[in-house]
Amino acid sequence: MLVFDCTGDRTSMEQSIQLLQQGGKMIFVGLVNDHISLFDPDLHRKEATILASRNSTPAEHHRVLDLMESGTVNVTDWPTEFAPRA
């Protein structure tokens, strides 16, 4: 299972680990200019993997959205379940 956090919100990023299933992957896309804190035993117990993206410009985001909307990038197999906002 994948959990994407695109918020750039410290609290959301810190709490997102609770959404992971065993062996899940957490992907941080949003950037927060702050320290975040994760409870280390949670990471080990869930055997979690944490990945992060690099910063992108607004122009790059618009280009990706355009490619998705035009059908150039096929998104039909992408995850469609979202956790409710806390």
PDB file of N, CA and C in Angstrom:
ATOM      1  N   MET A   1       0.828  -1.174   0.000  1.00  0.00           N
ATOM      2  CA  MET A   1       0.000   0.000   0.000  1.00  0.00           C
ATOM      3  C   MET A   1       0.874   1.240   0.000  1.00  0.00           C
ATOM      4  N   LEU A   2       0.446   2.235  -0.745  1.00  0.00           N
ATOM      5  CA  LEU A   2       1.140   3.516  -0.816  1.00  0.00           C
ATOM      6  C   LEU A   2       0.326   4.587  -0.115  1.00  0.00           C
ATOM      7  N   VAL A   3       1.016   5.470   0.560  1.00  0.00           N
ATOM      8  CA  VAL A   3       0.385   6.660   1.125  1.00  0.00           C
ATOM      9  C   VAL A   3       1.147   7.860   0.577  1.00  0.00           C
ATOM     10  N   PHE A   4       0.433   8.726  -0.133  1.00  0.00           N
ATOM     11  CA  PHE A   4       1.010   9.952  -0.661  1.00  0.00           C
ATOM     12  C   PHE A   4       0.571  11.098   0.235  1.00  0.00           C
ATOM     13  N   ASP A   5       1.518  11.883   0.698  1.00  0.00           N
ATOM     14  CA  ASP A   5       1.172  13.109   1.405  1.00  0.00           C
ATOM     15  C   ASP A   5       1.672  14.266   0.556  1.00  0.00           C
ATOM     16  N   CYS A   6       0.730  14.995   0.006  1.00  0.00           N
ATOM     17  CA  CYS A   6       1.051  16.106  -0.888  1.00  0.00           C
ATOM     18  C   CYS A   6       0.768  17.457  -0.228  1.00  0.00           C
ATOM     19  N   THR A   7       0.514  17.455   1.071  1.00  0.00           N
ATOM     20  CA  THR A   7       0.026  18.642   1.746  1.00  0.00           C
ATOM     21  C   THR A   7       1.091  19.684   2.018  1.00  0.00           C
ATOM     22  N   GLY A   8       2.289  19.252   2.364  1.00  0.00           N
ATOM     23  CA  GLY A   8       3.288  20.202   2.833  1.00  0.00           C
ATOM     24  C   GLY A   8       2.937  20.721   4.220  1.00  0.00           C
ATOM     25  N   ASP A   9       2.110  19.965   4.936  1.00  0.00           N
ATOM     26  CA  ASP A   9       1.665  20.339   6.275  1.00  0.00           C
ATOM     27  C   ASP A   9       2.329  19.417   7.285  1.00  0.00           C
ATOM     28  N   ARG A  10       3.059  20.005   8.234  1.00  0.00           N
ATOM     29  CA  ARG A  10       3.831  19.218   9.198  1.00  0.00           C
ATOM     30  C   ARG A  10       2.969  18.204   9.946  1.00  0.00           C
ATOM     31  N   THR A  11       1.828  18.624  10.455  1.00  0.00           N
ATOM     32  CA  THR A  11       0.968  17.718  11.227  1.00  0.00           C
ATOM     33  C   THR A  11       0.488  16.551  10.366  1.00  0.00           C
ATOM     34  N   SER A  12       0.061  16.839   9.150  1.00  0.00           N
ATOM     35  CA  SER A  12      -0.397  15.777   8.253  1.00  0.00           C
ATOM     36  C   SER A  12       0.730  14.795   7.964  1.00  0.00           C
ATOM     37  N   MET A  13       1.909  15.309   7.711  1.00  0.00           N
ATOM     38  CA  MET A  13       3.042  14.449   7.400  1.00  0.00           C
ATOM     39  C   MET A  13       3.398  13.569   8.593  1.00  0.00           C
ATOM     40  N   GLU A  14       3.357  14.133   9.789  1.00  0.00           N
ATOM     41  CA  GLU A  14       3.685  13.358  10.979  1.00  0.00           C
ATOM     42  C   GLU A  14       2.649  12.269  11.253  1.00  0.00           C
ATOM     43  N   GLN A  15       1.386  12.539  10.982  1.00  0.00           N
ATOM     44  CA  GLN A  15       0.332  11.577  11.256  1.00  0.00           C
ATOM     45  C   GLN A  15       0.142  10.549  10.141  1.00  0.00           C
ATOM     46  N   SER A  16       0.695  10.798   8.976  1.00  0.00           N
ATOM     47  CA  SER A  16       0.474   9.913   7.834  1.00  0.00           C
ATOM     48  C   SER A  16       1.007   8.504   8.057  1.00  0.00           C
ATOM     49  N   ILE A  17       1.992   8.340   8.918  1.00  0.00           N
ATOM     50  CA  ILE A  17       2.542   7.015   9.190  1.00  0.00           C
ATOM     51  C   ILE A  17       1.460   6.090   9.731  1.00  0.00           C
ATOM     52  N   GLN A  18       0.451   6.641  10.397  1.00  0.00           N
ATOM     53  CA  GLN A  18      -0.626   5.820  10.960  1.00  0.00           C
ATOM     54  C   GLN A  18      -1.479   5.176   9.866  1.00  0.00           C
ATOM     55  N   LEU A  19      -1.437   5.702   8.652  1.00  0.00           N
ATOM     56  CA  LEU A  19      -2.224   5.165   7.545  1.00  0.00           C
ATOM     57  C   LEU A  19      -1.556   3.973   6.864  1.00  0.00           C
ATOM     58  N   LEU A  20      -0.282   3.776   7.140  1.00  0.00           N
ATOM     59  CA  LEU A  20       0.457   2.700   6.470  1.00  0.00           C
ATOM     60  C   LEU A  20       0.067   1.326   6.980  1.00  0.00           C
ATOM     61  N   GLN A  21       0.026   0.396   6.052  1.00  0.00           N
ATOM     62  CA  GLN A  21      -0.121  -1.007   6.402  1.00  0.00           C
ATOM     63  C   GLN A  21       1.272  -1.619   6.494  1.00  0.00           C
ATOM     64  N   GLN A  22       1.347  -2.848   6.947  1.00  0.00           N
ATOM     65  CA  GLN A  22       2.621  -3.553   7.065  1.00  0.00           C
ATOM     66  C   GLN A  22       3.349  -3.539   5.720  1.00  0.00           C
ATOM     67  N   GLY A  23       4.601  -3.104   5.728  1.00  0.00           N
ATOM     68  CA  GLY A  23       5.410  -3.078   4.510  1.00  0.00           C
ATOM     69  C   GLY A  23       5.040  -1.960   3.553  1.00  0.00           C
ATOM     70  N   GLY A  24       4.237  -1.003   4.004  1.00  0.00           N
ATOM     71  CA  GLY A  24       3.778   0.079   3.138  1.00  0.00           C
ATOM     72  C   GLY A  24       4.856   1.105   2.829  1.00  0.00           C
ATOM     73  N   LYS A  25       4.555   1.930   1.849  1.00  0.00           N
ATOM     74  CA  LYS A  25       5.465   2.997   1.438  1.00  0.00           C
ATOM     75  C   LYS A  25       4.791   4.347   1.639  1.00  0.00           C
ATOM     76  N   MET A  26       5.521   5.257   2.261  1.00  0.00           N
ATOM     77  CA  MET A  26       5.071   6.618   2.472  1.00  0.00           C
ATOM     78  C   MET A  26       5.831   7.498   1.493  1.00  0.00           C
ATOM     79  N   ILE A  27       5.104   8.286   0.719  1.00  0.00           N
ATOM     80  CA  ILE A  27       5.734   9.169  -0.245  1.00  0.00           C
ATOM     81  C   ILE A  27       5.357  10.604   0.101  1.00  0.00           C
ATOM     82  N   PHE A  28       6.363  11.392   0.427  1.00  0.00           N
ATOM     83  CA  PHE A  28       6.156  12.807   0.719  1.00  0.00           C
ATOM     84  C   PHE A  28       6.401  13.601  -0.555  1.00  0.00           C
ATOM     85  N   VAL A  29       5.368  14.276  -1.012  1.00  0.00           N
ATOM     86  CA  VAL A  29       5.462  15.103  -2.205  1.00  0.00           C
ATOM     87  C   VAL A  29       5.502  16.577  -1.819  1.00  0.00           C
ATOM     88  N   GLY A  30       4.636  16.964  -0.882  1.00  0.00           N
ATOM     89  CA  GLY A  30       4.609  18.350  -0.420  1.00  0.00           C
ATOM     90  C   GLY A  30       5.849  18.668   0.390  1.00  0.00           C
ATOM     91  N   LEU A  31       6.262  19.899   0.348  1.00  0.00           N
ATOM     92  CA  LEU A  31       7.456  20.351   1.063  1.00  0.00           C
ATOM     93  C   LEU A  31       7.038  21.269   2.192  1.00  0.00           C
ATOM     94  N   VAL A  32       7.534  21.004   3.379  1.00  0.00           N
ATOM     95  CA  VAL A  32       7.319  21.885   4.523  1.00  0.00           C
ATOM     96  C   VAL A  32       8.694  22.360   4.976  1.00  0.00           C
ATOM     97  N   ASN A  33       8.812  23.648   5.189  1.00  0.00           N
ATOM     98  CA  ASN A  33      10.091  24.222   5.599  1.00  0.00           C
ATOM     99  C   ASN A  33      10.175  24.198   7.125  1.00  0.00           C
ATOM    100  N   ASP A  34      10.228  22.979   7.654  1.00  0.00           N
ATOM    101  CA  ASP A  34      10.201  22.773   9.094  1.00  0.00           C
ATOM    102  C   ASP A  34      10.712  21.365   9.370  1.00  0.00           C
ATOM    103  N   HIS A  35      10.936  21.055  10.610  1.00  0.00           N
ATOM    104  CA  HIS A  35      11.277  19.693  11.013  1.00  0.00           C
ATOM    105  C   HIS A  35       9.980  18.914  11.183  1.00  0.00           C
ATOM    106  N   ILE A  36      10.017  17.639  10.814  1.00  0.00           N
ATOM    107  CA  ILE A  36       8.897  16.762  11.126  1.00  0.00           C
ATOM    108  C   ILE A  36       9.418  15.664  12.034  1.00  0.00           C
ATOM    109  N   SER A  37       8.524  15.095  12.807  1.00  0.00           N
ATOM    110  CA  SER A  37       8.906  14.077  13.767  1.00  0.00           C
ATOM    111  C   SER A  37       8.063  12.828  13.545  1.00  0.00           C
ATOM    112  N   LEU A  38       8.723  11.693  13.419  1.00  0.00           N
ATOM    113  CA  LEU A  38       8.049  10.409  13.255  1.00  0.00           C
ATOM    114  C   LEU A  38       8.489   9.500  14.394  1.00  0.00           C
ATOM    115  N   PHE A  39       7.557   8.747  14.946  1.00  0.00           N
ATOM    116  CA  PHE A  39       7.859   7.834  16.042  1.00  0.00           C
ATOM    117  C   PHE A  39       8.564   6.608  15.468  1.00  0.00           C
ATOM    118  N   ASP A  40       9.836   6.480  15.782  1.00  0.00           N
ATOM    119  CA  ASP A  40      10.684   5.452  15.181  1.00  0.00           C
ATOM    120  C   ASP A  40      10.133   4.028  15.327  1.00  0.00           C
ATOM    121  N   PRO A  41       9.606   3.611  16.485  1.00  0.00           N
ATOM    122  CA  PRO A  41       9.064   2.254  16.570  1.00  0.00           C
ATOM    123  C   PRO A  41       7.946   1.985  15.563  1.00  0.00           C
ATOM    124  N   ASP A  42       7.155   3.006  15.219  1.00  0.00           N
ATOM    125  CA  ASP A  42       6.108   2.816  14.207  1.00  0.00           C
ATOM    126  C   ASP A  42       6.710   2.457  12.853  1.00  0.00           C
ATOM    127  N   LEU A  43       7.799   3.110  12.511  1.00  0.00           N
ATOM    128  CA  LEU A  43       8.455   2.827  11.231  1.00  0.00           C
ATOM    129  C   LEU A  43       8.974   1.396  11.188  1.00  0.00           C
ATOM    130  N   HIS A  44       9.601   0.968  12.266  1.00  0.00           N
ATOM    131  CA  HIS A  44      10.168  -0.386  12.310  1.00  0.00           C
ATOM    132  C   HIS A  44       9.083  -1.450  12.381  1.00  0.00           C
ATOM    133  N   ARG A  45       8.075  -1.225  13.210  1.00  0.00           N
ATOM    134  CA  ARG A  45       7.006  -2.212  13.365  1.00  0.00           C
ATOM    135  C   ARG A  45       6.289  -2.437  12.040  1.00  0.00           C
ATOM    136  N   LYS A  46       6.097  -1.371  11.285  1.00  0.00           N
ATOM    137  CA  LYS A  46       5.385  -1.481  10.007  1.00  0.00           C
ATOM    138  C   LYS A  46       6.322  -1.803   8.848  1.00  0.00           C
ATOM    139  N   GLU A  47       7.622  -1.889   9.133  1.00  0.00           N
ATOM    140  CA  GLU A  47       8.620  -2.126   8.081  1.00  0.00           C
ATOM    141  C   GLU A  47       8.386  -1.171   6.920  1.00  0.00           C
ATOM    142  N   ALA A  48       8.247   0.104   7.268  1.00  0.00           N
ATOM    143  CA  ALA A  48       7.875   1.144   6.310  1.00  0.00           C
ATOM    144  C   ALA A  48       9.060   1.617   5.481  1.00  0.00           C
ATOM    145  N   THR A  49       8.748   2.070   4.291  1.00  0.00           N
ATOM    146  CA  THR A  49       9.708   2.728   3.414  1.00  0.00           C
ATOM    147  C   THR A  49       9.221   4.152   3.205  1.00  0.00           C
ATOM    148  N   ILE A  50      10.121   5.119   3.358  1.00  0.00           N
ATOM    149  CA  ILE A  50       9.763   6.523   3.161  1.00  0.00           C
ATOM    150  C   ILE A  50      10.528   7.047   1.957  1.00  0.00           C
ATOM    151  N   LEU A  51       9.792   7.647   1.040  1.00  0.00           N
ATOM    152  CA  LEU A  51      10.378   8.256  -0.157  1.00  0.00           C
ATOM    153  C   LEU A  51       9.963   9.717  -0.202  1.00  0.00           C
ATOM    154  N   ALA A  52      10.751  10.523  -0.858  1.00  0.00           N
ATOM    155  CA  ALA A  52      10.420  11.942  -1.009  1.00  0.00           C
ATOM    156  C   ALA A  52      10.735  12.386  -2.424  1.00  0.00           C
ATOM    157  N   SER A  53       9.940  13.326  -2.901  1.00  0.00           N
ATOM    158  CA  SER A  53      10.188  13.880  -4.233  1.00  0.00           C
ATOM    159  C   SER A  53      11.089  15.101  -4.104  1.00  0.00           C
ATOM    160  N   ARG A  54      11.612  15.511  -5.209  1.00  0.00           N
ATOM    161  CA  ARG A  54      12.372  16.758  -5.215  1.00  0.00           C
ATOM    162  C   ARG A  54      11.393  17.899  -5.444  1.00  0.00           C
ATOM    163  N   ASN A  55      11.835  19.096  -5.200  1.00  0.00           N
ATOM    164  CA  ASN A  55      10.968  20.251  -5.430  1.00  0.00           C
ATOM    165  C   ASN A  55      10.707  20.415  -6.921  1.00  0.00           C
ATOM    166  N   SER A  56       9.508  20.838  -7.259  1.00  0.00           N
ATOM    167  CA  SER A  56       9.142  21.103  -8.645  1.00  0.00           C
ATOM    168  C   SER A  56       8.587  22.512  -8.745  1.00  0.00           C
ATOM    169  N   THR A  57       8.666  23.059  -9.928  1.00  0.00           N
ATOM    170  CA  THR A  57       8.134  24.402 -10.140  1.00  0.00           C
ATOM    171  C   THR A  57       6.651  24.323 -10.492  1.00  0.00           C
ATOM    172  N   PRO A  58       5.918  25.400 -10.317  1.00  0.00           N
ATOM    173  CA  PRO A  58       4.512  25.410 -10.737  1.00  0.00           C
ATOM    174  C   PRO A  58       4.344  25.049 -12.216  1.00  0.00           C
ATOM    175  N   ALA A  59       5.260  25.488 -13.063  1.00  0.00           N
ATOM    176  CA  ALA A  59       5.178  25.169 -14.491  1.00  0.00           C
ATOM    177  C   ALA A  59       5.259  23.659 -14.718  1.00  0.00           C
ATOM    178  N   GLU A  60       6.101  22.979 -13.943  1.00  0.00           N
ATOM    179  CA  GLU A  60       6.202  21.517 -14.078  1.00  0.00           C
ATOM    180  C   GLU A  60       4.912  20.838 -13.642  1.00  0.00           C
ATOM    181  N   HIS A  61       4.298  21.333 -12.582  1.00  0.00           N
ATOM    182  CA  HIS A  61       3.025  20.769 -12.127  1.00  0.00           C
ATOM    183  C   HIS A  61       1.944  20.944 -13.193  1.00  0.00           C
ATOM    184  N   HIS A  62       1.888  22.125 -13.794  1.00  0.00           N
ATOM    185  CA  HIS A  62       0.889  22.379 -14.847  1.00  0.00           C
ATOM    186  C   HIS A  62       1.136  21.483 -16.056  1.00  0.00           C
ATOM    187  N   ARG A  63       2.393  21.254 -16.397  1.00  0.00           N
ATOM    188  CA  ARG A  63       2.713  20.375 -17.530  1.00  0.00           C
ATOM    189  C   ARG A  63       2.229  18.960 -17.267  1.00  0.00           C
ATOM    190  N   VAL A  64       2.463  18.461 -16.065  1.00  0.00           N
ATOM    191  CA  VAL A  64       2.018  17.107 -15.718  1.00  0.00           C
ATOM    192  C   VAL A  64       0.494  17.027 -15.757  1.00  0.00           C
ATOM    193  N   LEU A  65      -0.183  18.029 -15.205  1.00  0.00           N
ATOM    194  CA  LEU A  65      -1.649  18.043 -15.247  1.00  0.00           C
ATOM    195  C   LEU A  65      -2.158  18.053 -16.685  1.00  0.00           C
ATOM    196  N   ASP A  66      -1.530  18.841 -17.543  1.00  0.00           N
ATOM    197  CA  ASP A  66      -1.930  18.884 -18.954  1.00  0.00           C
ATOM    198  C   ASP A  66      -1.755  17.511 -19.605  1.00  0.00           C
ATOM    199  N   LEU A  67      -0.642  16.834 -19.320  1.00  0.00           N
ATOM    200  CA  LEU A  67      -0.400  15.505 -19.886  1.00  0.00           C
ATOM    201  C   LEU A  67      -1.436  14.502 -19.396  1.00  0.00           C
ATOM    202  N   MET A  68      -1.823  14.619 -18.129  1.00  0.00           N
ATOM    203  CA  MET A  68      -2.841  13.726 -17.584  1.00  0.00           C
ATOM    204  C   MET A  68      -4.198  14.008 -18.219  1.00  0.00           C
ATOM    205  N   GLU A  69      -4.559  15.270 -18.327  1.00  0.00           N
ATOM    206  CA  GLU A  69      -5.867  15.636 -18.879  1.00  0.00           C
ATOM    207  C   GLU A  69      -5.989  15.281 -20.356  1.00  0.00           C
ATOM    208  N   SER A  70      -4.883  15.345 -21.091  1.00  0.00           N
ATOM    209  CA  SER A  70      -4.920  15.027 -22.515  1.00  0.00           C
ATOM    210  C   SER A  70      -4.925  13.524 -22.778  1.00  0.00           C
ATOM    211  N   GLY A  71      -4.643  12.719 -21.743  1.00  0.00           N
ATOM    212  CA  GLY A  71      -4.583  11.278 -21.920  1.00  0.00           C
ATOM    213  C   GLY A  71      -3.203  10.778 -22.303  1.00  0.00           C
ATOM    214  N   THR A  72      -2.241  11.681 -22.463  1.00  0.00           N
ATOM    215  CA  THR A  72      -0.882  11.272 -22.787  1.00  0.00           C
ATOM    216  C   THR A  72      -0.302  10.410 -21.671  1.00  0.00           C
ATOM    217  N   VAL A  73      -0.619  10.763 -20.430  1.00  0.00           N
ATOM    218  CA  VAL A  73      -0.242   9.958 -19.275  1.00  0.00           C
ATOM    219  C   VAL A  73      -1.489   9.213 -18.826  1.00  0.00           C
ATOM    220  N   ASN A  74      -1.435   7.892 -18.892  1.00  0.00           N
ATOM    221  CA  ASN A  74      -2.570   7.055 -18.536  1.00  0.00           C
ATOM    222  C   ASN A  74      -2.638   6.912 -17.019  1.00  0.00           C
ATOM    223  N   VAL A  75      -3.717   7.396 -16.428  1.00  0.00           N
ATOM    224  CA  VAL A  75      -3.858   7.360 -14.974  1.00  0.00           C
ATOM    225  C   VAL A  75      -4.911   6.360 -14.506  1.00  0.00           C
ATOM    226  N   THR A  76      -5.396   5.520 -15.413  1.00  0.00           N
ATOM    227  CA  THR A  76      -6.488   4.613 -15.046  1.00  0.00           C
ATOM    228  C   THR A  76      -6.085   3.589 -13.996  1.00  0.00           C
ATOM    229  N   ASP A  77      -4.805   3.234 -13.904  1.00  0.00           N
ATOM    230  CA  ASP A  77      -4.365   2.247 -12.925  1.00  0.00           C
ATOM    231  C   ASP A  77      -3.816   2.876 -11.642  1.00  0.00           C
ATOM    232  N   TRP A  78      -3.949   4.175 -11.512  1.00  0.00           N
ATOM    233  CA  TRP A  78      -3.441   4.854 -10.322  1.00  0.00           C
ATOM    234  C   TRP A  78      -4.374   4.620  -9.142  1.00  0.00           C
ATOM    235  N   PRO A  79      -3.857   4.701  -7.927  1.00  0.00           N
ATOM    236  CA  PRO A  79      -4.712   4.526  -6.736  1.00  0.00           C
ATOM    237  C   PRO A  79      -5.853   5.528  -6.724  1.00  0.00           C
ATOM    238  N   THR A  80      -6.995   5.074  -6.239  1.00  0.00           N
ATOM    239  CA  THR A  80      -8.164   5.945  -6.217  1.00  0.00           C
ATOM    240  C   THR A  80      -8.798   6.074  -4.832  1.00  0.00           C
ATOM    241  N   GLU A  81      -8.199   5.445  -3.827  1.00  0.00           N
ATOM    242  CA  GLU A  81      -8.740   5.550  -2.483  1.00  0.00           C
ATOM    243  C   GLU A  81      -7.967   6.609  -1.713  1.00  0.00           C
ATOM    244  N   PHE A  82      -8.706   7.439  -1.012  1.00  0.00           N
ATOM    245  CA  PHE A  82      -8.086   8.526  -0.268  1.00  0.00           C
ATOM    246  C   PHE A  82      -8.537   8.479   1.185  1.00  0.00           C
ATOM    247  N   ALA A  83      -7.634   8.815   2.070  1.00  0.00           N
ATOM    248  CA  ALA A  83      -7.983   8.880   3.488  1.00  0.00           C
ATOM    249  C   ALA A  83      -8.710  10.187   3.754  1.00  0.00           C
ATOM    250  N   PRO A  84      -9.684  10.168   4.633  1.00  0.00           N
ATOM    251  CA  PRO A  84     -10.385  11.409   4.959  1.00  0.00           C
ATOM    252  C   PRO A  84      -9.441  12.389   5.634  1.00  0.00           C
ATOM    253  N   ARG A  85      -9.696  13.653   5.418  1.00  0.00           N
ATOM    254  CA  ARG A  85      -8.867  14.685   6.031  1.00  0.00           C
ATOM    255  C   ARG A  85      -9.107  14.694   7.530  1.00  0.00           C
ATOM    256  N   ALA A  86      -8.037  14.702   8.288  1.00  0.00           N
ATOM    257  CA  ALA A  86      -8.149  14.670   9.760  1.00  0.00           C
ATOM    258  C   ALA A  86      -8.441  16.038  10.318  1.00  0.00           C
TER     259      ALA A  86
END
